[in-house]
Amino acid sequence: MTRASPILAYGKEVTFQTHGHDKYKRILRDVILLDGMNLNHALAKDGWCRWYREYAPRDAVLEELEKAARETWKGL
């Protein structure tokens, strides 16, 4: 299995699902590839990013993916 990386989206069309703004007024989004892959989930699964409860409190999938990555010492 190939580890996820931002390269998965390089040069490809993606769809953004917007979820609001953070305290710095940055837009919070999920990045979805045309094949349906959620890039946010792929990156969290391999430990390349962290889930922040304050910005995605109801995203149980991200929470579990990040937890599993931490427990197996993946990525960050």
PDB file of N, CA and C in Angstrom:
ATOM      1  N   MET A   1       0.837  -1.180   0.000  1.00  0.00           N
ATOM      2  CA  MET A   1       0.000   0.000   0.000  1.00  0.00           C
ATOM      3  C   MET A   1       0.884   1.247   0.000  1.00  0.00           C
ATOM      4  N   THR A   2       0.545   2.199  -0.817  1.00  0.00           N
ATOM      5  CA  THR A   2       1.296   3.442  -0.922  1.00  0.00           C
ATOM      6  C   THR A   2       0.874   4.399   0.189  1.00  0.00           C
ATOM      7  N   ARG A   3       1.866   5.002   0.802  1.00  0.00           N
ATOM      8  CA  ARG A   3       1.547   5.995   1.827  1.00  0.00           C
ATOM      9  C   ARG A   3       0.980   7.243   1.163  1.00  0.00           C
ATOM     10  N   ALA A   4       0.023   7.860   1.823  1.00  0.00           N
ATOM     11  CA  ALA A   4      -0.617   9.067   1.297  1.00  0.00           C
ATOM     12  C   ALA A   4       0.345  10.246   1.381  1.00  0.00           C
ATOM     13  N   SER A   5       0.180  11.154   0.467  1.00  0.00           N
ATOM     14  CA  SER A   5       0.929  12.404   0.511  1.00  0.00           C
ATOM     15  C   SER A   5       0.164  13.433  -0.314  1.00  0.00           C
ATOM     16  N   PRO A   6       0.503  14.716  -0.139  1.00  0.00           N
ATOM     17  CA  PRO A   6      -0.173  15.743  -0.918  1.00  0.00           C
ATOM     18  C   PRO A   6       0.001  15.530  -2.424  1.00  0.00           C
ATOM     19  N   ILE A   7       0.999  14.752  -2.847  1.00  0.00           N
ATOM     20  CA  ILE A   7       1.239  14.463  -4.256  1.00  0.00           C
ATOM     21  C   ILE A   7       0.024  13.776  -4.870  1.00  0.00           C
ATOM     22  N   LEU A   8      -0.774  13.106  -4.075  1.00  0.00           N
ATOM     23  CA  LEU A   8      -1.964  12.425  -4.588  1.00  0.00           C
ATOM     24  C   LEU A   8      -2.897  13.379  -5.328  1.00  0.00           C
ATOM     25  N   ALA A   9      -2.837  14.659  -5.020  1.00  0.00           N
ATOM     26  CA  ALA A   9      -3.722  15.634  -5.651  1.00  0.00           C
ATOM     27  C   ALA A   9      -3.000  16.513  -6.678  1.00  0.00           C
ATOM     28  N   TYR A  10      -1.700  16.387  -6.789  1.00  0.00           N
ATOM     29  CA  TYR A  10      -0.935  17.254  -7.678  1.00  0.00           C
ATOM     30  C   TYR A  10      -1.385  17.099  -9.130  1.00  0.00           C
ATOM     31  N   GLY A  11      -1.778  18.200  -9.737  1.00  0.00           N
ATOM     32  CA  GLY A  11      -2.180  18.213 -11.131  1.00  0.00           C
ATOM     33  C   GLY A  11      -3.541  17.594 -11.403  1.00  0.00           C
ATOM     34  N   LYS A  12      -4.273  17.268 -10.367  1.00  0.00           N
ATOM     35  CA  LYS A  12      -5.579  16.628 -10.543  1.00  0.00           C
ATOM     36  C   LYS A  12      -6.701  17.593 -10.177  1.00  0.00           C
ATOM     37  N   GLU A  13      -7.859  17.329 -10.730  1.00  0.00           N
ATOM     38  CA  GLU A  13      -9.042  18.091 -10.338  1.00  0.00           C
ATOM     39  C   GLU A  13      -9.535  17.549  -9.006  1.00  0.00           C
ATOM     40  N   VAL A  14      -9.951  18.456  -8.151  1.00  0.00           N
ATOM     41  CA  VAL A  14     -10.477  18.079  -6.846  1.00  0.00           C
ATOM     42  C   VAL A  14     -11.748  18.872  -6.576  1.00  0.00           C
ATOM     43  N   THR A  15     -12.483  18.411  -5.595  1.00  0.00           N
ATOM     44  CA  THR A  15     -13.661  19.117  -5.113  1.00  0.00           C
ATOM     45  C   THR A  15     -13.396  19.487  -3.664  1.00  0.00           C
ATOM     46  N   PHE A  16     -13.805  20.682  -3.271  1.00  0.00           N
ATOM     47  CA  PHE A  16     -13.674  21.108  -1.889  1.00  0.00           C
ATOM     48  C   PHE A  16     -15.036  21.077  -1.216  1.00  0.00           C
ATOM     49  N   GLN A  17     -15.078  20.518  -0.015  1.00  0.00           N
ATOM     50  CA  GLN A  17     -16.272  20.590   0.814  1.00  0.00           C
ATOM     51  C   GLN A  17     -15.932  21.532   1.965  1.00  0.00           C
ATOM     52  N   THR A  18     -16.536  22.699   1.962  1.00  0.00           N
ATOM     53  CA  THR A  18     -16.227  23.735   2.944  1.00  0.00           C
ATOM     54  C   THR A  18     -17.027  23.544   4.222  1.00  0.00           C
ATOM     55  N   HIS A  19     -16.335  23.751   5.367  1.00  0.00           N
ATOM     56  CA  HIS A  19     -16.949  23.531   6.679  1.00  0.00           C
ATOM     57  C   HIS A  19     -16.916  24.752   7.587  1.00  0.00           C
ATOM     58  N   GLY A  20     -16.557  25.903   7.071  1.00  0.00           N
ATOM     59  CA  GLY A  20     -16.508  27.101   7.901  1.00  0.00           C
ATOM     60  C   GLY A  20     -15.122  27.717   7.915  1.00  0.00           C
ATOM     61  N   HIS A  21     -14.816  28.414   9.019  1.00  0.00           N
ATOM     62  CA  HIS A  21     -13.538  29.122   9.157  1.00  0.00           C
ATOM     63  C   HIS A  21     -12.946  28.852  10.535  1.00  0.00           C
ATOM     64  N   ASP A  22     -11.612  28.950  10.623  1.00  0.00           N
ATOM     65  CA  ASP A  22     -10.970  28.844  11.935  1.00  0.00           C
ATOM     66  C   ASP A  22     -10.868  30.231  12.554  1.00  0.00           C
ATOM     67  N   LYS A  23     -10.223  30.325  13.698  1.00  0.00           N
ATOM     68  CA  LYS A  23     -10.166  31.610  14.397  1.00  0.00           C
ATOM     69  C   LYS A  23      -9.349  32.662  13.654  1.00  0.00           C
ATOM     70  N   TYR A  24      -8.550  32.232  12.660  1.00  0.00           N
ATOM     71  CA  TYR A  24      -7.773  33.164  11.853  1.00  0.00           C
ATOM     72  C   TYR A  24      -8.461  33.478  10.519  1.00  0.00           C
ATOM     73  N   LYS A  25      -9.713  33.027  10.396  1.00  0.00           N
ATOM     74  CA  LYS A  25     -10.549  33.231   9.212  1.00  0.00           C
ATOM     75  C   LYS A  25     -10.075  32.457   7.982  1.00  0.00           C
ATOM     76  N   ARG A  26      -9.284  31.390   8.221  1.00  0.00           N
ATOM     77  CA  ARG A  26      -8.911  30.497   7.128  1.00  0.00           C
ATOM     78  C   ARG A  26     -10.084  29.559   6.862  1.00  0.00           C
ATOM     79  N   ILE A  27     -10.286  29.219   5.603  1.00  0.00           N
ATOM     80  CA  ILE A  27     -11.388  28.339   5.227  1.00  0.00           C
ATOM     81  C   ILE A  27     -11.034  26.895   5.586  1.00  0.00           C
ATOM     82  N   LEU A  28     -11.964  26.196   6.234  1.00  0.00           N
ATOM     83  CA  LEU A  28     -11.793  24.789   6.582  1.00  0.00           C
ATOM     84  C   LEU A  28     -12.481  23.952   5.513  1.00  0.00           C
ATOM     85  N   ARG A  29     -11.737  23.012   4.917  1.00  0.00           N
ATOM     86  CA  ARG A  29     -12.273  22.228   3.806  1.00  0.00           C
ATOM     87  C   ARG A  29     -11.782  20.793   3.843  1.00  0.00           C
ATOM     88  N   ASP A  30     -12.587  19.919   3.260  1.00  0.00           N
ATOM     89  CA  ASP A  30     -12.143  18.579   2.900  1.00  0.00           C
ATOM     90  C   ASP A  30     -11.781  18.647   1.424  1.00  0.00           C
ATOM     91  N   VAL A  31     -10.746  17.911   1.038  1.00  0.00           N
ATOM     92  CA  VAL A  31     -10.327  17.839  -0.355  1.00  0.00           C
ATOM     93  C   VAL A  31     -10.692  16.454  -0.863  1.00  0.00           C
ATOM     94  N   ILE A  32     -11.545  16.406  -1.878  1.00  0.00           N
ATOM     95  CA  ILE A  32     -12.031  15.149  -2.424  1.00  0.00           C
ATOM     96  C   ILE A  32     -11.530  15.001  -3.860  1.00  0.00           C
ATOM     97  N   LEU A  33     -10.848  13.893  -4.128  1.00  0.00           N
ATOM     98  CA  LEU A  33     -10.393  13.615  -5.489  1.00  0.00           C
ATOM     99  C   LEU A  33     -11.560  13.088  -6.303  1.00  0.00           C
ATOM    100  N   LEU A  34     -11.424  13.129  -7.635  1.00  0.00           N
ATOM    101  CA  LEU A  34     -12.512  12.713  -8.511  1.00  0.00           C
ATOM    102  C   LEU A  34     -12.894  11.246  -8.317  1.00  0.00           C
ATOM    103  N   ASP A  35     -11.950  10.413  -7.851  1.00  0.00           N
ATOM    104  CA  ASP A  35     -12.272   9.000  -7.614  1.00  0.00           C
ATOM    105  C   ASP A  35     -12.980   8.788  -6.272  1.00  0.00           C
ATOM    106  N   GLY A  36     -13.241   9.895  -5.547  1.00  0.00           N
ATOM    107  CA  GLY A  36     -13.952   9.816  -4.279  1.00  0.00           C
ATOM    108  C   GLY A  36     -13.058   9.784  -3.051  1.00  0.00           C
ATOM    109  N   MET A  37     -11.744   9.682  -3.234  1.00  0.00           N
ATOM    110  CA  MET A  37     -10.837   9.640  -2.092  1.00  0.00           C
ATOM    111  C   MET A  37     -10.862  10.977  -1.346  1.00  0.00           C
ATOM    112  N   ASN A  38     -11.014  10.907  -0.035  1.00  0.00           N
ATOM    113  CA  ASN A  38     -10.947  12.089   0.817  1.00  0.00           C
ATOM    114  C   ASN A  38      -9.483  12.256   1.208  1.00  0.00           C
ATOM    115  N   LEU A  39      -8.823  13.269   0.665  1.00  0.00           N
ATOM    116  CA  LEU A  39      -7.401  13.474   0.911  1.00  0.00           C
ATOM    117  C   LEU A  39      -7.138  13.766   2.387  1.00  0.00           C
ATOM    118  N   ASN A  40      -8.043  14.474   3.047  1.00  0.00           N
ATOM    119  CA  ASN A  40      -7.869  14.746   4.477  1.00  0.00           C
ATOM    120  C   ASN A  40      -7.762  13.433   5.253  1.00  0.00           C
ATOM    121  N   HIS A  41      -8.637  12.481   4.939  1.00  0.00           N
ATOM    122  CA  HIS A  41      -8.628  11.195   5.636  1.00  0.00           C
ATOM    123  C   HIS A  41      -7.364  10.403   5.313  1.00  0.00           C
ATOM    124  N   ALA A  42      -6.944  10.420   4.046  1.00  0.00           N
ATOM    125  CA  ALA A  42      -5.740   9.688   3.654  1.00  0.00           C
ATOM    126  C   ALA A  42      -4.511  10.230   4.382  1.00  0.00           C
ATOM    127  N   LEU A  43      -4.409  11.545   4.492  1.00  0.00           N
ATOM    128  CA  LEU A  43      -3.264  12.152   5.182  1.00  0.00           C
ATOM    129  C   LEU A  43      -3.287  11.857   6.681  1.00  0.00           C
ATOM    130  N   ALA A  44      -4.464  11.897   7.295  1.00  0.00           N
ATOM    131  CA  ALA A  44      -4.577  11.590   8.726  1.00  0.00           C
ATOM    132  C   ALA A  44      -4.250  10.127   8.994  1.00  0.00           C
ATOM    133  N   LYS A  45      -4.693   9.256   8.124  1.00  0.00           N
ATOM    134  CA  LYS A  45      -4.460   7.813   8.284  1.00  0.00           C
ATOM    135  C   LYS A  45      -2.973   7.501   8.333  1.00  0.00           C
ATOM    136  N   ASP A  46      -2.188   8.196   7.521  1.00  0.00           N
ATOM    137  CA  ASP A  46      -0.754   7.950   7.485  1.00  0.00           C
ATOM    138  C   ASP A  46       0.041   8.890   8.378  1.00  0.00           C
ATOM    139  N   GLY A  47      -0.641   9.669   9.199  1.00  0.00           N
ATOM    140  CA  GLY A  47       0.039  10.494  10.185  1.00  0.00           C
ATOM    141  C   GLY A  47       0.644  11.775   9.649  1.00  0.00           C
ATOM    142  N   TRP A  48       0.250  12.217   8.475  1.00  0.00           N
ATOM    143  CA  TRP A  48       0.815  13.435   7.881  1.00  0.00           C
ATOM    144  C   TRP A  48       0.122  14.706   8.353  1.00  0.00           C
ATOM    145  N   CYS A  49      -0.968  14.578   9.068  1.00  0.00           N
ATOM    146  CA  CYS A  49      -1.652  15.755   9.600  1.00  0.00           C
ATOM    147  C   CYS A  49      -2.346  15.377  10.896  1.00  0.00           C
ATOM    148  N   ARG A  50      -2.824  16.354  11.604  1.00  0.00           N
ATOM    149  CA  ARG A  50      -3.495  16.140  12.882  1.00  0.00           C
ATOM    150  C   ARG A  50      -4.941  16.594  12.801  1.00  0.00           C
ATOM    151  N   TRP A  51      -5.773  15.935  13.586  1.00  0.00           N
ATOM    152  CA  TRP A  51      -7.186  16.273  13.706  1.00  0.00           C
ATOM    153  C   TRP A  51      -7.331  17.227  14.891  1.00  0.00           C
ATOM    154  N   TYR A  52      -7.991  18.342  14.671  1.00  0.00           N
ATOM    155  CA  TYR A  52      -8.233  19.305  15.731  1.00  0.00           C
ATOM    156  C   TYR A  52      -9.720  19.320  16.058  1.00  0.00           C
ATOM    157  N   ARG A  53     -10.041  18.882  17.257  1.00  0.00           N
ATOM    158  CA  ARG A  53     -11.431  18.775  17.702  1.00  0.00           C
ATOM    159  C   ARG A  53     -12.180  20.094  17.533  1.00  0.00           C
ATOM    160  N   GLU A  54     -11.536  21.208  17.819  1.00  0.00           N
ATOM    161  CA  GLU A  54     -12.233  22.498  17.755  1.00  0.00           C
ATOM    162  C   GLU A  54     -12.688  22.867  16.340  1.00  0.00           C
ATOM    163  N   TYR A  55     -12.025  22.331  15.310  1.00  0.00           N
ATOM    164  CA  TYR A  55     -12.383  22.665  13.941  1.00  0.00           C
ATOM    165  C   TYR A  55     -13.225  21.595  13.253  1.00  0.00           C
ATOM    166  N   ALA A  56     -13.199  20.377  13.768  1.00  0.00           N
ATOM    167  CA  ALA A  56     -14.001  19.296  13.173  1.00  0.00           C
ATOM    168  C   ALA A  56     -14.521  18.388  14.290  1.00  0.00           C
ATOM    169  N   PRO A  57     -15.313  18.951  15.199  1.00  0.00           N
ATOM    170  CA  PRO A  57     -15.724  18.188  16.388  1.00  0.00           C
ATOM    171  C   PRO A  57     -16.587  16.967  16.091  1.00  0.00           C
ATOM    172  N   ARG A  58     -17.273  16.950  14.974  1.00  0.00           N
ATOM    173  CA  ARG A  58     -18.160  15.825  14.669  1.00  0.00           C
ATOM    174  C   ARG A  58     -17.573  14.862  13.646  1.00  0.00           C
ATOM    175  N   ASP A  59     -16.289  15.009  13.329  1.00  0.00           N
ATOM    176  CA  ASP A  59     -15.672  14.133  12.335  1.00  0.00           C
ATOM    177  C   ASP A  59     -15.019  12.943  13.033  1.00  0.00           C
ATOM    178  N   ALA A  60     -15.840  11.940  13.343  1.00  0.00           N
ATOM    179  CA  ALA A  60     -15.362  10.750  14.051  1.00  0.00           C
ATOM    180  C   ALA A  60     -14.360   9.963  13.213  1.00  0.00           C
ATOM    181  N   VAL A  61     -14.490  10.020  11.891  1.00  0.00           N
ATOM    182  CA  VAL A  61     -13.559   9.297  11.023  1.00  0.00           C
ATOM    183  C   VAL A  61     -12.153   9.869  11.175  1.00  0.00           C
ATOM    184  N   LEU A  62     -12.025  11.194  11.077  1.00  0.00           N
ATOM    185  CA  LEU A  62     -10.707  11.813  11.248  1.00  0.00           C
ATOM    186  C   LEU A  62     -10.130  11.526  12.632  1.00  0.00           C
ATOM    187  N   GLU A  63     -10.962  11.579  13.637  1.00  0.00           N
ATOM    188  CA  GLU A  63     -10.512  11.307  15.008  1.00  0.00           C
ATOM    189  C   GLU A  63      -9.922   9.900  15.109  1.00  0.00           C
ATOM    190  N   GLU A  64     -10.621   8.911  14.576  1.00  0.00           N
ATOM    191  CA  GLU A  64     -10.146   7.528  14.652  1.00  0.00           C
ATOM    192  C   GLU A  64      -8.903   7.297  13.800  1.00  0.00           C
ATOM    193  N   LEU A  65      -8.858   7.891  12.615  1.00  0.00           N
ATOM    194  CA  LEU A  65      -7.682   7.730  11.756  1.00  0.00           C
ATOM    195  C   LEU A  65      -6.436   8.315  12.409  1.00  0.00           C
ATOM    196  N   GLU A  66      -6.576   9.499  12.992  1.00  0.00           N
ATOM    197  CA  GLU A  66      -5.431  10.117  13.652  1.00  0.00           C
ATOM    198  C   GLU A  66      -5.008   9.308  14.870  1.00  0.00           C
ATOM    199  N   LYS A  67      -5.960   8.826  15.623  1.00  0.00           N
ATOM    200  CA  LYS A  67      -5.665   8.016  16.817  1.00  0.00           C
ATOM    201  C   LYS A  67      -4.878   6.761  16.426  1.00  0.00           C
ATOM    202  N   ALA A  68      -5.323   6.081  15.376  1.00  0.00           N
ATOM    203  CA  ALA A  68      -4.634   4.873  14.913  1.00  0.00           C
ATOM    204  C   ALA A  68      -3.212   5.194  14.441  1.00  0.00           C
ATOM    205  N   ALA A  69      -3.032   6.309  13.744  1.00  0.00           N
ATOM    206  CA  ALA A  69      -1.697   6.705  13.279  1.00  0.00           C
ATOM    207  C   ALA A  69      -0.779   6.989  14.462  1.00  0.00           C
ATOM    208  N   ARG A  70      -1.292   7.673  15.473  1.00  0.00           N
ATOM    209  CA  ARG A  70      -0.478   7.956  16.666  1.00  0.00           C
ATOM    210  C   ARG A  70      -0.077   6.668  17.378  1.00  0.00           C
ATOM    211  N   GLU A  71      -1.028   5.744  17.503  1.00  0.00           N
ATOM    212  CA  GLU A  71      -0.761   4.494  18.221  1.00  0.00           C
ATOM    213  C   GLU A  71       0.281   3.625  17.510  1.00  0.00           C
ATOM    214  N   THR A  72       0.381   3.756  16.193  1.00  0.00           N
ATOM    215  CA  THR A  72       1.363   2.959  15.434  1.00  0.00           C
ATOM    216  C   THR A  72       2.580   3.781  15.030  1.00  0.00           C
ATOM    217  N   TRP A  73       2.718   4.971  15.589  1.00  0.00           N
ATOM    218  CA  TRP A  73       3.865   5.854  15.376  1.00  0.00           C
ATOM    219  C   TRP A  73       4.079   6.187  13.897  1.00  0.00           C
ATOM    220  N   LYS A  74       3.004   6.429  13.170  1.00  0.00           N
ATOM    221  CA  LYS A  74       3.109   6.810  11.763  1.00  0.00           C
ATOM    222  C   LYS A  74       3.254   8.321  11.627  1.00  0.00           C
ATOM    223  N   GLY A  75       3.993   8.733  10.617  1.00  0.00           N
ATOM    224  CA  GLY A  75       4.066  10.151  10.243  1.00  0.00           C
ATOM    225  C   GLY A  75       4.613  11.061  11.320  1.00  0.00           C
ATOM    226  N   LEU A  76       3.837  12.109  11.622  1.00  0.00           N
ATOM    227  CA  LEU A  76       4.267  13.114  12.592  1.00  0.00           C
ATOM    228  C   LEU A  76       4.433  12.486  13.938  1.00  0.00           C
TER     229      LEU A  76
END
